[in-house]
Amino acid sequence: IFGVGAVEAAVTGQPAQPHLLVLGGLLLGTLPLGLWASTAALRQALE
């Protein structure tokens, strides 16, 4: 949704930076959670 908003904003001449900043924030927020989930899955698989 945010990616489409960024593209639409860029096509219409509006700034796309707010949409891209939200995407970057979501990425930074999910990286630690993804590492935690993969660690938990590997520990479960090795038991």
PDB file of N, CA and C in Angstrom:
ATOM      1  N   ILE A   1       0.833  -1.185   0.000  1.00  0.00           N
ATOM      2  CA  ILE A   1       0.000   0.000   0.000  1.00  0.00           C
ATOM      3  C   ILE A   1       0.877   1.248   0.000  1.00  0.00           C
ATOM      4  N   PHE A   2       1.897   1.259   0.837  1.00  0.00           N
ATOM      5  CA  PHE A   2       2.760   2.441   0.911  1.00  0.00           C
ATOM      6  C   PHE A   2       3.608   2.581  -0.350  1.00  0.00           C
ATOM      7  N   GLY A   3       3.996   1.457  -0.935  1.00  0.00           N
ATOM      8  CA  GLY A   3       4.768   1.502  -2.179  1.00  0.00           C
ATOM      9  C   GLY A   3       3.952   2.081  -3.314  1.00  0.00           C
ATOM     10  N   VAL A   4       2.688   1.678  -3.397  1.00  0.00           N
ATOM     11  CA  VAL A   4       1.805   2.221  -4.434  1.00  0.00           C
ATOM     12  C   VAL A   4       1.578   3.701  -4.197  1.00  0.00           C
ATOM     13  N   GLY A   5       1.431   4.092  -2.937  1.00  0.00           N
ATOM     14  CA  GLY A   5       1.268   5.508  -2.617  1.00  0.00           C
ATOM     15  C   GLY A   5       2.486   6.321  -3.003  1.00  0.00           C
ATOM     16  N   ALA A   6       3.671   5.747  -2.802  1.00  0.00           N
ATOM     17  CA  ALA A   6       4.900   6.450  -3.175  1.00  0.00           C
ATOM     18  C   ALA A   6       5.000   6.611  -4.683  1.00  0.00           C
ATOM     19  N   VAL A   7       4.670   5.565  -5.414  1.00  0.00           N
ATOM     20  CA  VAL A   7       4.725   5.648  -6.880  1.00  0.00           C
ATOM     21  C   VAL A   7       3.692   6.637  -7.386  1.00  0.00           C
ATOM     22  N   GLU A   8       2.494   6.579  -6.840  1.00  0.00           N
ATOM     23  CA  GLU A   8       1.444   7.508  -7.271  1.00  0.00           C
ATOM     24  C   GLU A   8       1.830   8.952  -6.958  1.00  0.00           C
ATOM     25  N   ALA A   9       2.427   9.176  -5.797  1.00  0.00           N
ATOM     26  CA  ALA A   9       2.859  10.526  -5.443  1.00  0.00           C
ATOM     27  C   ALA A   9       3.945  11.006  -6.391  1.00  0.00           C
ATOM     28  N   ALA A  10       4.877  10.134  -6.737  1.00  0.00           N
ATOM     29  CA  ALA A  10       5.955  10.527  -7.650  1.00  0.00           C
ATOM     30  C   ALA A  10       5.420  10.830  -9.042  1.00  0.00           C
ATOM     31  N   VAL A  11       4.446  10.050  -9.493  1.00  0.00           N
ATOM     32  CA  VAL A  11       3.883  10.269 -10.830  1.00  0.00           C
ATOM     33  C   VAL A  11       3.122  11.584 -10.887  1.00  0.00           C
ATOM     34  N   THR A  12       2.427  11.926  -9.807  1.00  0.00           N
ATOM     35  CA  THR A  12       1.635  13.157  -9.803  1.00  0.00           C
ATOM     36  C   THR A  12       2.451  14.385  -9.414  1.00  0.00           C
ATOM     37  N   GLY A  13       3.736  14.200  -9.135  1.00  0.00           N
ATOM     38  CA  GLY A  13       4.588  15.340  -8.826  1.00  0.00           C
ATOM     39  C   GLY A  13       4.638  15.709  -7.361  1.00  0.00           C
ATOM     40  N   GLN A  14       4.027  14.914  -6.506  1.00  0.00           N
ATOM     41  CA  GLN A  14       4.063  15.174  -5.071  1.00  0.00           C
ATOM     42  C   GLN A  14       5.274  14.476  -4.466  1.00  0.00           C
ATOM     43  N   PRO A  15       5.692  14.876  -3.273  1.00  0.00           N
ATOM     44  CA  PRO A  15       6.858  14.215  -2.660  1.00  0.00           C
ATOM     45  C   PRO A  15       6.519  12.787  -2.223  1.00  0.00           C
ATOM     46  N   ALA A  16       7.382  11.865  -2.569  1.00  0.00           N
ATOM     47  CA  ALA A  16       7.183  10.459  -2.209  1.00  0.00           C
ATOM     48  C   ALA A  16       7.923  10.099  -0.929  1.00  0.00           C
ATOM     49  N   GLN A  17       8.699  11.023  -0.391  1.00  0.00           N
ATOM     50  CA  GLN A  17       9.537  10.730   0.771  1.00  0.00           C
ATOM     51  C   GLN A  17       8.744  10.245   1.989  1.00  0.00           C
ATOM     52  N   PRO A  18       7.591  10.812   2.342  1.00  0.00           N
ATOM     53  CA  PRO A  18       6.874  10.301   3.523  1.00  0.00           C
ATOM     54  C   PRO A  18       6.497   8.826   3.393  1.00  0.00           C
ATOM     55  N   HIS A  19       6.066   8.417   2.210  1.00  0.00           N
ATOM     56  CA  HIS A  19       5.702   7.017   1.999  1.00  0.00           C
ATOM     57  C   HIS A  19       6.926   6.115   2.135  1.00  0.00           C
ATOM     58  N   LEU A  20       8.038   6.563   1.593  1.00  0.00           N
ATOM     59  CA  LEU A  20       9.257   5.761   1.661  1.00  0.00           C
ATOM     60  C   LEU A  20       9.810   5.709   3.081  1.00  0.00           C
ATOM     61  N   LEU A  21       9.632   6.781   3.843  1.00  0.00           N
ATOM     62  CA  LEU A  21      10.071   6.770   5.237  1.00  0.00           C
ATOM     63  C   LEU A  21       9.244   5.789   6.070  1.00  0.00           C
ATOM     64  N   VAL A  22       7.960   5.704   5.794  1.00  0.00           N
ATOM     65  CA  VAL A  22       7.122   4.722   6.494  1.00  0.00           C
ATOM     66  C   VAL A  22       7.573   3.310   6.149  1.00  0.00           C
ATOM     67  N   LEU A  23       7.862   3.056   4.875  1.00  0.00           N
ATOM     68  CA  LEU A  23       8.360   1.739   4.473  1.00  0.00           C
ATOM     69  C   LEU A  23       9.683   1.415   5.160  1.00  0.00           C
ATOM     70  N   GLY A  24      10.576   2.382   5.234  1.00  0.00           N
ATOM     71  CA  GLY A  24      11.852   2.169   5.910  1.00  0.00           C
ATOM     72  C   GLY A  24      11.674   1.904   7.397  1.00  0.00           C
ATOM     73  N   GLY A  25      10.755   2.619   8.016  1.00  0.00           N
ATOM     74  CA  GLY A  25      10.473   2.389   9.432  1.00  0.00           C
ATOM     75  C   GLY A  25       9.913   1.006   9.690  1.00  0.00           C
ATOM     76  N   LEU A  26       9.031   0.556   8.818  1.00  0.00           N
ATOM     77  CA  LEU A  26       8.503  -0.800   8.954  1.00  0.00           C
ATOM     78  C   LEU A  26       9.601  -1.836   8.776  1.00  0.00           C
ATOM     79  N   LEU A  27      10.493  -1.606   7.832  1.00  0.00           N
ATOM     80  CA  LEU A  27      11.609  -2.529   7.622  1.00  0.00           C
ATOM     81  C   LEU A  27      12.496  -2.592   8.859  1.00  0.00           C
ATOM     82  N   LEU A  28      12.836  -1.436   9.409  1.00  0.00           N
ATOM     83  CA  LEU A  28      13.688  -1.414  10.600  1.00  0.00           C
ATOM     84  C   LEU A  28      12.996  -2.045  11.803  1.00  0.00           C
ATOM     85  N   GLY A  29      11.681  -1.947  11.851  1.00  0.00           N
ATOM     86  CA  GLY A  29      10.946  -2.562  12.951  1.00  0.00           C
ATOM     87  C   GLY A  29      10.825  -4.066  12.829  1.00  0.00           C
ATOM     88  N   THR A  30      10.762  -4.572  11.611  1.00  0.00           N
ATOM     89  CA  THR A  30      10.567  -6.005  11.424  1.00  0.00           C
ATOM     90  C   THR A  30      11.869  -6.792  11.389  1.00  0.00           C
ATOM     91  N   LEU A  31      12.994  -6.144  11.163  1.00  0.00           N
ATOM     92  CA  LEU A  31      14.263  -6.874  11.140  1.00  0.00           C
ATOM     93  C   LEU A  31      14.558  -7.588  12.464  1.00  0.00           C
ATOM     94  N   PRO A  32      14.471  -6.920  13.609  1.00  0.00           N
ATOM     95  CA  PRO A  32      14.726  -7.646  14.864  1.00  0.00           C
ATOM     96  C   PRO A  32      13.701  -8.750  15.115  1.00  0.00           C
ATOM     97  N   LEU A  33      12.449  -8.511  14.759  1.00  0.00           N
ATOM     98  CA  LEU A  33      11.431  -9.541  14.966  1.00  0.00           C
ATOM     99  C   LEU A  33      11.674 -10.748  14.073  1.00  0.00           C
ATOM    100  N   GLY A  34      12.136 -10.517  12.859  1.00  0.00           N
ATOM    101  CA  GLY A  34      12.446 -11.620  11.953  1.00  0.00           C
ATOM    102  C   GLY A  34      13.613 -12.444  12.446  1.00  0.00           C
ATOM    103  N   LEU A  35      14.629 -11.780  12.976  1.00  0.00           N
ATOM    104  CA  LEU A  35      15.764 -12.505  13.540  1.00  0.00           C
ATOM    105  C   LEU A  35      15.339 -13.329  14.749  1.00  0.00           C
ATOM    106  N   TRP A  36      14.504 -12.760  15.594  1.00  0.00           N
ATOM    107  CA  TRP A  36      14.020 -13.476  16.764  1.00  0.00           C
ATOM    108  C   TRP A  36      13.191 -14.689  16.346  1.00  0.00           C
ATOM    109  N   ALA A  37      12.322 -14.532  15.356  1.00  0.00           N
ATOM    110  CA  ALA A  37      11.477 -15.634  14.906  1.00  0.00           C
ATOM    111  C   ALA A  37      12.301 -16.743  14.261  1.00  0.00           C
ATOM    112  N   SER A  38      13.288 -16.388  13.465  1.00  0.00           N
ATOM    113  CA  SER A  38      14.113 -17.417  12.833  1.00  0.00           C
ATOM    114  C   SER A  38      14.961 -18.148  13.869  1.00  0.00           C
ATOM    115  N   THR A  39      15.440 -17.437  14.878  1.00  0.00           N
ATOM    116  CA  THR A  39      16.192 -18.086  15.953  1.00  0.00           C
ATOM    117  C   THR A  39      15.308 -19.066  16.714  1.00  0.00           C
ATOM    118  N   ALA A  40      14.092 -18.659  17.009  1.00  0.00           N
ATOM    119  CA  ALA A  40      13.169 -19.545  17.718  1.00  0.00           C
ATOM    120  C   ALA A  40      12.830 -20.770  16.873  1.00  0.00           C
ATOM    121  N   ALA A  41      12.654 -20.593  15.578  1.00  0.00           N
ATOM    122  CA  ALA A  41      12.338 -21.724  14.701  1.00  0.00           C
ATOM    123  C   ALA A  41      13.509 -22.697  14.611  1.00  0.00           C
ATOM    124  N   LEU A  42      14.728 -22.176  14.528  1.00  0.00           N
ATOM    125  CA  LEU A  42      15.895 -23.059  14.479  1.00  0.00           C
ATOM    126  C   LEU A  42      16.079 -23.817  15.788  1.00  0.00           C
ATOM    127  N   ARG A  43      15.857 -23.154  16.902  1.00  0.00           N
ATOM    128  CA  ARG A  43      15.970 -23.844  18.193  1.00  0.00           C
ATOM    129  C   ARG A  43      14.929 -24.944  18.308  1.00  0.00           C
ATOM    130  N   GLN A  44      13.726 -24.677  17.852  1.00  0.00           N
ATOM    131  CA  GLN A  44      12.656 -25.672  17.898  1.00  0.00           C
ATOM    132  C   GLN A  44      12.982 -26.845  16.983  1.00  0.00           C
ATOM    133  N   ALA A  45      13.561 -26.582  15.831  1.00  0.00           N
ATOM    134  CA  ALA A  45      13.881 -27.644  14.881  1.00  0.00           C
ATOM    135  C   ALA A  45      15.014 -28.526  15.385  1.00  0.00           C
ATOM    136  N   LEU A  46      15.923 -27.962  16.175  1.00  0.00           N
ATOM    137  CA  LEU A  46      17.062 -28.732  16.657  1.00  0.00           C
ATOM    138  C   LEU A  46      16.750 -29.551  17.910  1.00  0.00           C
ATOM    139  N   GLU A  47      15.615 -29.301  18.523  1.00  0.00           N
ATOM    140  CA  GLU A  47      15.254 -30.062  19.732  1.00  0.00           C
ATOM    141  C   GLU A  47      14.710 -31.424  19.403  1.00  0.00           C
TER     142      GLU A  47
END
